[in-house]
Amino acid sequence: MPDADAVQLLGDLPEGVEVVVWNGEPDRPARLGETEFWVPQVEDSSDLENKLAAMPDLKVMQLLSAGVEDLVGKTPEGVQLCDARGVHGGPVADMVLTLMLASYRQVPHFVRAQARGEWSDAQGEDLEDKRVLIVGAGDLGEQTAKRLKGFGAVPVLVAHSAREGVHATGELPDLLPAADAVVLTVPLTPDTEGMVDAKFLAAMPDGALLVNVARGKVVDTDALLAELTSGRLRAGLDVVEPEPLPEGHPLWSAPNLLITPHAAGHVKRSGERAYALVRAQLERFVQGEELQNVVTGQY
């Protein structure tokens, strides 16, 4: 476990389990080398080779995040890599709706007016009847679709391959021109890196809204900046490329843009939910049962 707080969140241990607290620092605790089930710090893939070498008996690497792009193909043979799919979908979907509603209802305008002490009205838009493409039909995409329906919007799910109720990404050229908004919830893979390029953005209609809660590298930053600066598109970004966004980067001052600092999953109960998954996975491991959320291929 990465720290004492993690041990507390994990709760009572299954019989026969001993916890070693290690945050990956050079000082290695006793019995670290006997570790079979490892929960690393959130989204920390630094010095991975040496960390793995310190645990030659490792069998399971259980992440606290849904994204695994920095780790795919880097775990030793015989080590199962498991993600936290299903843990963060609800809070991140909430952020999607927050960014959409804030953009549509002109919240930045009102915040700036409040700071000036100015009573300044502005006409907004509602979500009802908005056609929203959700690119990525996993847990996060489904959670987002569920929330959008509650506002009367029309979610359209898109995934790598078509299935009942879900379009294939190959259909995007036909779907994008009719989209009022596009929400990105895909994992970062070789197929999705840079998928939202100038051609993708050009296919979106004037005034459309792009929301990215996936990974910054899914979007071509320069192409998006061009569309924002021209005033043709709007965007809400919880993730960007580069990240963290450096001081003076043109995205900070781009018009028609809301930025949050990769904060969509940062809610008070995130640790509780994540370690409920860890506990369940640990129980399965001890009992010799099949683990959930096992990452295979490019996931």
Protein backbone atom coordinates (compact mmCIF):
# COMPACT_ATOMS: atom_id res chain seq x y z
CA MET A 1 0.00 0.00 0.00
CA PRO A 2 1.28 3.51 -0.81
CA ASP A 3 0.70 5.11 2.63
CA ALA A 4 -0.93 4.81 6.05
CA ASP A 5 -4.13 6.45 4.84
CA ALA A 6 -4.47 3.70 2.25
CA VAL A 7 -4.18 1.06 4.98
CA GLN A 8 -6.92 2.77 6.96
CA LEU A 9 -9.20 2.99 3.92
CA LEU A 10 -8.61 -0.68 3.17
CA GLY A 11 -10.06 -1.69 6.53
CA ASP A 12 -9.91 -5.18 8.02
CA LEU A 13 -7.58 -7.48 6.15
CA PRO A 14 -8.41 -10.95 4.89
CA GLU A 15 -6.87 -13.71 6.96
CA GLY A 16 -3.21 -14.32 6.15
CA VAL A 17 -2.60 -10.89 4.58
CA GLU A 18 0.16 -8.60 5.86
CA VAL A 19 0.43 -5.00 4.64
CA VAL A 20 3.72 -3.31 3.80
CA VAL A 21 3.58 0.48 3.45
CA TRP A 22 5.85 1.76 0.68
CA ASN A 23 5.55 4.86 -1.48
CA GLY A 24 8.28 3.84 -3.93
CA GLU A 25 11.09 5.72 -2.19
CA PRO A 26 14.63 4.27 -2.13
CA ASP A 27 14.30 3.17 1.51
CA ARG A 28 12.70 -0.24 1.21
CA PRO A 29 10.80 -1.74 4.15
CA ALA A 30 11.40 -5.24 5.40
CA ARG A 31 9.52 -8.00 3.56
CA LEU A 32 8.89 -5.75 0.54
CA GLY A 33 10.48 -8.45 -1.59
CA GLU A 34 7.69 -10.88 -0.60
CA THR A 35 4.96 -8.61 -1.99
CA GLU A 36 2.42 -10.37 -4.21
CA PHE A 37 -0.29 -7.67 -4.47
CA TRP A 38 0.79 -4.07 -5.05
CA VAL A 39 -1.28 -0.87 -4.96
CA PRO A 40 0.99 1.96 -6.21
CA GLN A 41 0.43 5.66 -5.73
CA VAL A 42 -2.15 7.22 -8.02
CA GLU A 43 -0.87 7.67 -11.59
CA ASP A 44 2.78 7.26 -10.58
CA SER A 45 4.71 5.25 -13.16
CA SER A 46 8.09 6.78 -12.35
CA ASP A 47 11.09 4.46 -11.90
CA LEU A 48 8.77 1.55 -12.61
CA GLU A 49 11.51 -0.90 -13.57
CA ASN A 50 13.31 -0.53 -10.24
CA LYS A 51 10.09 -0.66 -8.25
CA LEU A 52 9.07 -3.89 -9.93
CA ALA A 53 12.55 -5.33 -9.41
CA ALA A 54 12.10 -4.77 -5.67
CA MET A 55 9.09 -7.12 -5.70
CA PRO A 56 10.18 -10.30 -7.53
CA ASP A 57 7.20 -12.29 -6.19
CA LEU A 58 4.62 -9.78 -7.48
CA LYS A 59 1.48 -11.27 -9.04
CA VAL A 60 -1.00 -8.35 -9.11
CA MET A 61 -0.59 -4.61 -9.71
CA GLN A 62 -3.88 -2.95 -8.77
CA LEU A 63 -4.17 0.69 -9.89
CA LEU A 64 -6.32 3.38 -8.31
CA SER A 65 -6.96 5.05 -11.67
CA ALA A 66 -8.82 4.00 -14.80
CA GLY A 67 -6.07 5.19 -17.13
CA VAL A 68 -3.21 2.75 -17.66
CA GLU A 69 -1.50 4.06 -20.79
CA ASP A 70 1.85 4.54 -19.01
CA LEU A 71 1.91 0.92 -17.85
CA VAL A 72 0.53 -1.17 -20.70
CA GLY A 73 3.17 -3.63 -21.83
CA LYS A 74 5.58 -2.69 -19.02
CA THR A 75 4.66 -5.23 -16.36
CA PRO A 76 6.64 -8.47 -16.08
CA GLU A 77 5.23 -11.72 -17.41
CA GLY A 78 2.97 -13.31 -14.82
CA VAL A 79 1.89 -9.99 -13.26
CA GLN A 80 -1.77 -9.07 -13.74
CA LEU A 81 -2.37 -5.35 -14.27
CA CYS A 82 -5.80 -4.21 -13.03
CA ASP A 83 -7.32 -0.77 -13.38
CA ALA A 84 -9.96 1.04 -11.31
CA ARG A 85 -12.65 1.02 -13.98
CA GLY A 86 -16.03 1.82 -12.42
CA VAL A 87 -14.61 3.75 -9.46
CA HIS A 88 -14.35 7.26 -10.92
CA GLY A 89 -17.00 7.19 -13.64
CA GLY A 90 -19.72 8.89 -11.60
CA PRO A 91 -17.69 11.88 -10.36
CA VAL A 92 -16.04 12.41 -13.74
CA ALA A 93 -19.44 12.29 -15.46
CA ASP A 94 -20.59 14.93 -12.97
CA MET A 95 -17.70 17.11 -14.14
CA VAL A 96 -18.75 16.63 -17.76
CA LEU A 97 -22.18 18.01 -16.91
CA THR A 98 -20.62 20.79 -14.84
CA LEU A 99 -18.46 21.94 -17.75
CA MET A 100 -21.34 21.70 -20.21
CA LEU A 101 -23.79 23.59 -18.04
CA ALA A 102 -21.22 26.22 -17.06
CA SER A 103 -20.47 26.85 -20.73
CA TYR A 104 -24.07 26.85 -21.89
CA ARG A 105 -25.36 28.99 -19.01
CA GLN A 106 -22.55 31.58 -19.27
CA VAL A 107 -21.22 30.93 -15.75
CA PRO A 108 -17.74 32.39 -16.50
CA HIS A 109 -19.43 35.65 -17.56
CA PHE A 110 -21.30 35.83 -14.27
CA VAL A 111 -18.22 34.98 -12.19
CA ARG A 112 -16.24 37.76 -13.86
CA ALA A 113 -19.14 40.19 -13.39
CA GLN A 114 -19.40 39.26 -9.71
CA ALA A 115 -15.67 39.94 -9.24
CA ARG A 116 -16.25 43.41 -10.73
CA GLY A 117 -19.35 43.97 -8.60
CA GLU A 118 -21.38 44.32 -11.80
CA TRP A 119 -24.98 43.15 -12.38
CA SER A 120 -24.59 41.85 -15.95
CA ASP A 121 -27.09 39.52 -17.59
CA ALA A 122 -26.26 37.12 -20.43
CA GLN A 123 -28.44 34.77 -22.43
CA GLY A 124 -27.54 31.09 -22.15
CA GLU A 125 -28.65 27.77 -23.58
CA ASP A 126 -30.17 24.67 -22.00
CA LEU A 127 -29.28 21.02 -22.47
CA GLU A 128 -32.72 19.86 -23.55
CA ASP A 129 -32.70 18.34 -27.05
CA LYS A 130 -28.94 18.85 -27.42
CA ARG A 131 -27.41 16.00 -29.45
CA VAL A 132 -24.24 14.96 -27.61
CA LEU A 133 -21.71 12.54 -29.09
CA ILE A 134 -19.94 10.61 -26.34
CA VAL A 135 -16.74 9.16 -27.81
CA GLY A 136 -15.91 6.31 -25.48
CA ALA A 137 -18.66 3.91 -24.39
CA GLY A 138 -17.16 2.42 -21.23
CA ASP A 139 -18.34 3.09 -17.68
CA LEU A 140 -17.60 6.82 -17.91
CA GLY A 141 -19.40 7.18 -21.23
CA GLU A 142 -22.43 5.31 -19.93
CA GLN A 143 -22.51 7.35 -16.71
CA THR A 144 -22.35 10.54 -18.76
CA ALA A 145 -25.15 9.38 -21.05
CA LYS A 146 -27.33 8.56 -18.04
CA ARG A 147 -26.90 12.07 -16.63
CA LEU A 148 -27.49 13.77 -19.97
CA LYS A 149 -30.81 11.96 -20.39
CA GLY A 150 -31.91 13.45 -17.08
CA PHE A 151 -31.50 16.90 -18.64
CA GLY A 152 -33.44 15.98 -21.75
CA ALA A 153 -30.35 15.79 -23.97
CA VAL A 154 -29.87 13.10 -26.62
CA PRO A 155 -26.63 11.16 -25.97
CA VAL A 156 -25.09 9.20 -28.85
CA LEU A 157 -22.46 6.68 -27.76
CA VAL A 158 -19.45 5.94 -29.97
CA ALA A 159 -16.81 3.25 -29.42
CA HIS A 160 -13.99 1.59 -31.34
CA SER A 161 -16.38 -1.11 -32.55
CA ALA A 162 -20.13 -0.90 -33.08
CA ARG A 163 -22.56 -2.83 -30.91
CA GLU A 164 -26.23 -2.50 -30.03
CA GLY A 165 -26.89 1.12 -29.15
CA VAL A 166 -23.29 2.17 -29.87
CA HIS A 167 -21.78 3.54 -33.08
CA ALA A 168 -18.26 2.79 -34.31
CA THR A 169 -15.62 5.51 -34.47
CA GLY A 170 -15.53 4.93 -38.22
CA GLU A 171 -18.95 6.60 -38.33
CA LEU A 172 -17.71 9.85 -36.77
CA PRO A 173 -17.42 11.74 -40.09
CA ASP A 174 -21.17 11.24 -40.53
CA LEU A 175 -22.06 11.88 -36.87
CA LEU A 176 -20.00 14.98 -36.10
CA PRO A 177 -21.81 17.49 -38.36
CA ALA A 178 -25.05 16.95 -36.43
CA ALA A 179 -23.52 17.12 -32.94
CA ASP A 180 -24.25 20.05 -30.64
CA ALA A 181 -21.51 18.78 -28.33
CA VAL A 182 -18.79 16.12 -28.30
CA VAL A 183 -17.61 14.53 -25.05
CA LEU A 184 -14.34 12.59 -25.02
CA THR A 185 -14.18 9.70 -22.54
CA VAL A 186 -11.86 7.32 -24.42
CA PRO A 187 -8.71 5.75 -22.98
CA LEU A 188 -5.42 6.93 -24.42
CA THR A 189 -4.17 4.32 -26.88
CA PRO A 190 -2.23 4.46 -30.16
CA ASP A 191 -5.62 4.61 -31.91
CA THR A 192 -6.99 7.53 -29.86
CA GLU A 193 -3.86 9.67 -29.51
CA GLY A 194 -4.42 12.76 -31.67
CA MET A 195 -7.78 11.50 -32.96
CA VAL A 196 -9.35 14.93 -32.39
CA ASP A 197 -7.31 16.72 -35.03
CA ALA A 198 -8.05 19.63 -37.36
CA LYS A 199 -10.18 17.44 -39.61
CA PHE A 200 -12.22 16.11 -36.68
CA LEU A 201 -12.81 19.62 -35.32
CA ALA A 202 -13.65 21.02 -38.75
CA ALA A 203 -16.45 18.46 -39.02
CA MET A 204 -18.12 19.85 -35.89
CA PRO A 205 -20.76 22.52 -36.60
CA ASP A 206 -20.32 26.18 -35.74
CA GLY A 207 -20.91 26.84 -32.03
CA ALA A 208 -20.44 23.21 -30.99
CA LEU A 209 -18.92 22.39 -27.62
CA LEU A 210 -16.01 19.98 -27.05
CA VAL A 211 -15.53 18.49 -23.57
CA ASN A 212 -12.44 16.42 -22.81
CA VAL A 213 -12.22 14.32 -19.64
CA ALA A 214 -10.14 11.60 -21.31
CA ARG A 215 -6.47 12.49 -21.78
CA GLY A 216 -4.95 15.67 -23.19
CA LYS A 217 -3.11 13.80 -25.94
CA VAL A 218 -6.42 12.72 -27.49
CA VAL A 219 -6.77 16.30 -28.79
CA ASP A 220 -4.41 18.22 -31.08
CA THR A 221 -3.87 21.31 -28.92
CA ASP A 222 -2.86 23.61 -31.79
CA ALA A 223 -5.86 22.61 -33.89
CA LEU A 224 -8.21 23.24 -30.96
CA LEU A 225 -6.59 26.61 -30.23
CA ALA A 226 -7.21 27.67 -33.82
CA GLU A 227 -10.92 26.82 -33.56
CA LEU A 228 -11.31 28.53 -30.16
CA THR A 229 -9.48 31.66 -31.26
CA SER A 230 -11.64 31.98 -34.33
CA GLY A 231 -14.72 31.78 -32.12
CA ARG A 232 -16.16 28.88 -34.10
CA LEU A 233 -16.05 26.26 -31.31
CA ARG A 234 -16.25 26.18 -27.52
CA ALA A 235 -14.54 23.79 -25.14
CA GLY A 236 -14.37 22.53 -21.57
CA LEU A 237 -11.12 20.75 -20.73
CA ASP A 238 -10.29 18.82 -17.58
CA VAL A 239 -7.21 17.40 -19.29
CA VAL A 240 -4.76 19.15 -21.60
CA GLU A 241 -1.53 18.60 -23.47
CA PRO A 242 0.95 19.52 -22.08
CA GLU A 243 -0.02 18.80 -18.47
CA PRO A 244 0.27 20.50 -16.11
CA LEU A 245 -0.35 23.48 -18.33
CA PRO A 246 2.64 25.85 -18.00
CA GLU A 247 2.34 29.52 -17.16
CA GLY A 248 1.83 31.63 -20.26
CA HIS A 249 0.50 28.81 -22.43
CA PRO A 250 -2.00 30.17 -24.99
CA LEU A 251 -4.74 27.87 -23.71
CA TRP A 252 -4.94 29.92 -20.52
CA SER A 253 -6.10 32.96 -22.44
CA ALA A 254 -8.01 31.25 -25.23
CA PRO A 255 -11.59 32.50 -25.66
CA ASN A 256 -14.61 30.24 -25.32
CA LEU A 257 -12.72 27.85 -23.02
CA LEU A 258 -13.14 26.48 -19.49
CA ILE A 259 -10.18 24.66 -17.92
CA THR A 260 -10.10 22.53 -14.77
CA PRO A 261 -6.76 21.02 -13.62
CA HIS A 262 -7.40 17.28 -14.11
CA ALA A 263 -9.74 17.51 -11.14
CA ALA A 264 -12.77 15.58 -12.37
CA GLY A 265 -12.15 12.59 -10.12
CA HIS A 266 -11.04 14.56 -7.08
CA VAL A 267 -14.03 14.22 -4.75
CA LYS A 268 -14.14 13.44 -1.04
CA ARG A 269 -15.31 9.86 -1.48
CA SER A 270 -12.87 8.87 -4.23
CA GLY A 271 -10.49 7.15 -1.81
CA GLU A 272 -13.31 5.27 -0.13
CA ARG A 273 -14.59 3.99 -3.47
CA ALA A 274 -11.12 3.10 -4.77
CA TYR A 275 -10.19 1.07 -1.72
CA ALA A 276 -13.53 -0.70 -1.72
CA LEU A 277 -12.41 -2.04 -5.10
CA VAL A 278 -8.94 -2.87 -3.75
CA ARG A 279 -10.49 -4.75 -0.83
CA ALA A 280 -12.76 -6.75 -3.15
CA GLN A 281 -9.85 -7.56 -5.46
CA LEU A 282 -7.69 -8.61 -2.53
CA GLU A 283 -10.43 -10.95 -1.31
CA ARG A 284 -10.62 -12.53 -4.77
CA PHE A 285 -6.86 -12.89 -4.91
CA VAL A 286 -6.64 -14.57 -1.50
CA GLN A 287 -9.44 -16.96 -2.42
CA GLY A 288 -7.91 -17.78 -5.79
CA GLU A 289 -10.81 -16.26 -7.72
CA GLU A 290 -10.65 -14.45 -11.06
CA LEU A 291 -9.84 -10.76 -10.70
CA GLN A 292 -11.90 -7.99 -12.26
CA ASN A 293 -10.67 -5.09 -14.43
CA VAL A 294 -7.72 -7.06 -15.76
CA VAL A 295 -6.02 -5.04 -18.51
CA THR A 296 -5.32 -6.94 -21.72
CA GLY A 297 -3.87 -5.77 -25.03
CA GLN A 298 -4.27 -2.02 -25.57
CA TYR A 299 -7.34 -2.06 -23.27
